[in-house]
Amino acid sequence: MKLLYSPGSPFARKVRVVIREKHLTARFQEFVTNPHDNGQELLALNPLAKVPAVELEHGSLFDSPLLCEYLDGLSPQPRLIPVEFLSRIDVLRTQALADGIMDAAVASVLEKRRSDTAPSAHWLARWEAAMRRSVGMMSNLQLPDGVRLDGIAAACALSYLDYRFPAIPWRKEYPALAAWHASYTARQSFVETAPPAQ
């Protein structure tokens, strides 16, 4: 199978970490693409022109939560999304929170890059406030020490804040969360998928 991704995308990183934790690397070829180029290969897999996107034998899959669900079903171990209903909902809720942080962060990055007009101070402030509130909520969650999708998603979101928004002092404000993040991202799957230096 073919995975199209951007090295700086936190959503693509989440999927790439899952591939490694599920021991599926032999089944995937990973190819770098720039979604802003609207390349035909990416558009054929995802008309939304977003990464990550996966080419299957018959069709394609896109959207990181769907891809993570698909990957978790490809092999039985380790189970990243619990089967039990309420436990499953807890994990998916944390993933939704982490994805929301990444959504706001990516939107802010793109807004700052606009060339047609000045970046909107209103939207930048709104997105930063959303990121800060969401990290605060995340600090109160029981994040896993072992490999699980909620931990992977949360770690990718916090890593993206470090990467793009170092001025947000979440580590100082939430030292226990910072300690968890440092331990969790020491996993080889995170080391291998780290974004390029800016």
Protein backbone atom coordinates (compact mmCIF):
# COMPACT_ATOMS: atom_id res chain seq x y z
CA MET A 1 0.00 0.00 0.00
CA LYS A 2 1.08 3.56 -0.66
CA LEU A 3 0.92 6.37 1.92
CA LEU A 4 1.19 9.99 0.80
CA TYR A 5 2.25 12.35 3.56
CA SER A 6 3.89 15.66 4.35
CA PRO A 7 6.77 15.50 6.88
CA GLY A 8 5.44 18.52 8.78
CA SER A 9 1.83 17.32 9.05
CA PRO A 10 0.87 16.25 12.59
CA PHE A 11 -2.04 14.23 11.19
CA ALA A 12 0.28 12.32 8.88
CA ARG A 13 2.70 11.80 11.75
CA LYS A 14 -0.06 10.23 13.84
CA VAL A 15 -0.77 7.72 11.08
CA ARG A 16 2.93 7.01 10.51
CA VAL A 17 3.42 6.36 14.24
CA VAL A 18 0.47 3.96 14.20
CA ILE A 19 1.95 2.10 11.21
CA ARG A 20 5.16 1.59 13.18
CA GLU A 21 3.50 0.63 16.44
CA LYS A 22 1.30 -1.90 14.63
CA HIS A 23 4.39 -3.38 12.92
CA LEU A 24 2.97 -2.66 9.47
CA THR A 25 5.93 -0.90 7.87
CA ALA A 26 6.58 -3.80 5.49
CA ARG A 27 3.09 -3.32 4.04
CA PHE A 28 3.43 0.39 3.28
CA GLN A 29 5.52 2.55 1.02
CA GLU A 30 5.66 6.16 2.22
CA PHE A 31 5.94 9.01 -0.28
CA VAL A 32 6.37 12.69 0.53
CA THR A 33 3.98 15.10 -1.17
CA ASN A 34 3.08 18.77 -0.77
CA PRO A 35 -0.72 18.98 -0.50
CA HIS A 36 -0.66 22.66 -1.46
CA ASP A 37 0.64 21.72 -4.91
CA ASN A 38 -2.64 19.90 -5.67
CA GLY A 39 -0.68 17.08 -7.30
CA GLN A 40 -2.74 14.69 -9.41
CA GLU A 41 -1.56 11.64 -7.46
CA LEU A 42 -2.87 13.08 -4.19
CA LEU A 43 -6.10 14.38 -5.76
CA ALA A 44 -6.78 10.92 -7.17
CA LEU A 45 -6.64 9.52 -3.64
CA ASN A 46 -8.23 12.42 -1.78
CA PRO A 47 -10.22 15.10 -3.64
CA LEU A 48 -9.89 17.28 -0.53
CA ALA A 49 -6.14 17.55 -1.30
CA LYS A 50 -5.18 16.70 2.28
CA VAL A 51 -2.66 14.31 3.78
CA PRO A 52 -2.38 11.61 4.89
CA ALA A 53 -3.95 9.55 2.12
CA VAL A 54 -3.55 5.85 1.44
CA GLU A 55 -3.86 4.04 -1.87
CA LEU A 56 -5.48 0.63 -1.50
CA GLU A 57 -5.76 -2.12 -4.07
CA HIS A 58 -9.33 -1.00 -4.75
CA GLY A 59 -9.75 2.65 -3.85
CA SER A 60 -8.29 4.91 -1.19
CA LEU A 61 -8.66 6.06 2.40
CA PHE A 62 -8.06 9.47 3.93
CA ASP A 63 -8.69 11.39 7.17
CA SER A 64 -6.41 10.41 10.02
CA PRO A 65 -9.04 9.03 12.46
CA LEU A 66 -10.39 6.74 9.74
CA LEU A 67 -6.89 5.66 8.76
CA CYS A 68 -5.98 4.89 12.37
CA GLU A 69 -9.14 2.80 12.73
CA TYR A 70 -8.27 0.94 9.53
CA LEU A 71 -4.69 0.32 10.62
CA ASP A 72 -5.77 -0.93 14.03
CA GLY A 73 -7.93 -3.52 12.29
CA LEU A 74 -5.15 -4.80 10.04
CA SER A 75 -3.38 -6.65 12.84
CA PRO A 76 -4.63 -7.77 16.24
CA GLN A 77 -1.69 -6.58 18.36
CA PRO A 78 -1.12 -4.19 19.89
CA ARG A 79 -4.72 -3.05 20.13
CA LEU A 80 -4.70 0.77 19.94
CA ILE A 81 -8.46 1.32 20.19
CA PRO A 82 -10.26 -0.66 22.91
CA VAL A 83 -13.14 -2.93 21.98
CA GLU A 84 -15.17 -2.21 25.12
CA PHE A 85 -17.63 0.58 24.32
CA LEU A 86 -16.95 3.19 27.01
CA SER A 87 -13.20 2.65 26.92
CA ARG A 88 -13.33 3.07 23.15
CA ILE A 89 -15.28 6.33 23.47
CA ASP A 90 -12.74 7.67 25.99
CA VAL A 91 -9.85 6.98 23.61
CA LEU A 92 -11.67 8.48 20.61
CA ARG A 93 -12.65 11.56 22.62
CA THR A 94 -9.01 12.22 23.48
CA GLN A 95 -8.11 11.73 19.82
CA ALA A 96 -10.80 14.29 18.89
CA LEU A 97 -9.34 16.77 21.39
CA ALA A 98 -5.83 16.23 20.05
CA ASP A 99 -7.04 16.57 16.46
CA GLY A 100 -8.77 19.81 17.43
CA ILE A 101 -5.48 21.19 18.75
CA MET A 102 -3.81 20.20 15.50
CA ASP A 103 -6.64 21.72 13.43
CA ALA A 104 -6.30 25.06 15.22
CA ALA A 105 -2.52 24.98 15.00
CA VAL A 106 -2.43 24.16 11.28
CA ALA A 107 -5.05 26.83 10.57
CA SER A 108 -2.91 29.38 12.41
CA VAL A 109 0.19 28.41 10.46
CA LEU A 110 -1.65 28.77 7.15
CA GLU A 111 -3.20 32.08 8.20
CA LYS A 112 0.23 33.50 8.99
CA ARG A 113 1.45 32.47 5.54
CA ARG A 114 -1.28 34.32 3.64
CA SER A 115 0.08 36.57 0.91
CA ASP A 116 -3.19 38.11 -0.30
CA THR A 117 -3.92 40.02 2.90
CA ALA A 118 -2.69 40.56 6.44
CA PRO A 119 -3.30 37.63 8.81
CA SER A 120 -6.49 37.96 10.82
CA ALA A 121 -5.67 38.91 14.41
CA HIS A 122 -9.17 37.79 15.41
CA TRP A 123 -8.77 34.26 14.08
CA LEU A 124 -5.19 33.87 15.29
CA ALA A 125 -6.28 34.85 18.81
CA ARG A 126 -9.29 32.55 18.66
CA TRP A 127 -7.23 29.57 17.52
CA GLU A 128 -4.52 30.18 20.12
CA ALA A 129 -7.15 30.38 22.86
CA ALA A 130 -8.61 27.08 21.64
CA MET A 131 -5.18 25.45 21.72
CA ARG A 132 -4.47 26.69 25.23
CA ARG A 133 -7.86 25.58 26.59
CA SER A 134 -7.54 22.19 24.96
CA VAL A 135 -4.07 21.56 26.39
CA GLY A 136 -5.50 22.49 29.77
CA MET A 137 -8.22 19.87 29.36
CA MET A 138 -5.66 17.34 28.15
CA SER A 139 -3.60 17.89 31.29
CA ASN A 140 -6.50 16.53 33.35
CA LEU A 141 -6.88 13.32 31.35
CA GLN A 142 -5.49 9.91 32.26
CA LEU A 143 -3.14 9.49 29.33
CA PRO A 144 -1.62 6.03 28.84
CA ASP A 145 1.96 5.01 29.49
CA GLY A 146 1.61 2.15 27.01
CA VAL A 147 0.92 2.45 23.31
CA ARG A 148 -2.68 3.43 22.58
CA LEU A 149 -4.31 5.78 20.10
CA ASP A 150 -5.21 8.47 22.63
CA GLY A 151 -1.58 8.68 23.72
CA ILE A 152 -0.30 8.75 20.15
CA ALA A 153 -2.72 11.51 19.16
CA ALA A 154 -2.03 13.60 22.27
CA ALA A 155 1.73 13.28 21.85
CA CYS A 156 1.53 14.30 18.17
CA ALA A 157 -0.56 17.36 19.05
CA LEU A 158 1.80 18.51 21.80
CA SER A 159 4.83 17.88 19.60
CA TYR A 160 3.29 20.05 16.89
CA LEU A 161 2.86 22.88 19.38
CA ASP A 162 6.56 22.56 20.22
CA TYR A 163 7.36 22.57 16.51
CA ARG A 164 5.24 25.52 15.38
CA PHE A 165 4.31 27.43 18.55
CA PRO A 166 7.26 27.35 20.97
CA ALA A 167 6.00 30.59 22.55
CA ILE A 168 3.00 28.77 24.05
CA PRO A 169 4.37 27.78 27.49
CA TRP A 170 2.37 24.60 27.93
CA ARG A 171 5.33 22.73 29.43
CA LYS A 172 5.75 25.32 32.18
CA GLU A 173 2.01 25.47 32.85
CA TYR A 174 1.53 21.68 32.92
CA PRO A 175 4.76 20.01 34.09
CA ALA A 176 3.15 16.59 34.63
CA LEU A 177 1.87 16.62 31.05
CA ALA A 178 5.31 17.71 29.84
CA ALA A 179 6.94 14.81 31.70
CA TRP A 180 4.45 12.36 30.19
CA HIS A 181 5.10 13.77 26.71
CA ALA A 182 8.88 13.52 27.07
CA SER A 183 8.62 9.87 28.09
CA TYR A 184 6.05 8.95 25.45
CA THR A 185 7.84 10.56 22.52
CA ALA A 186 11.04 8.71 23.36
CA ARG A 187 9.46 5.74 21.58
CA GLN A 188 11.24 4.78 18.36
CA SER A 189 8.07 5.39 16.35
CA PHE A 190 8.19 9.07 17.32
CA VAL A 191 11.92 9.38 16.76
CA GLU A 192 11.56 8.01 13.22
CA THR A 193 8.68 10.35 12.33
CA ALA A 194 10.01 13.60 13.79
CA PRO A 195 9.40 16.59 11.47
CA PRO A 196 12.37 18.24 9.76
CA ALA A 197 14.21 21.02 11.57
CA GLN A 198 12.87 24.47 10.78
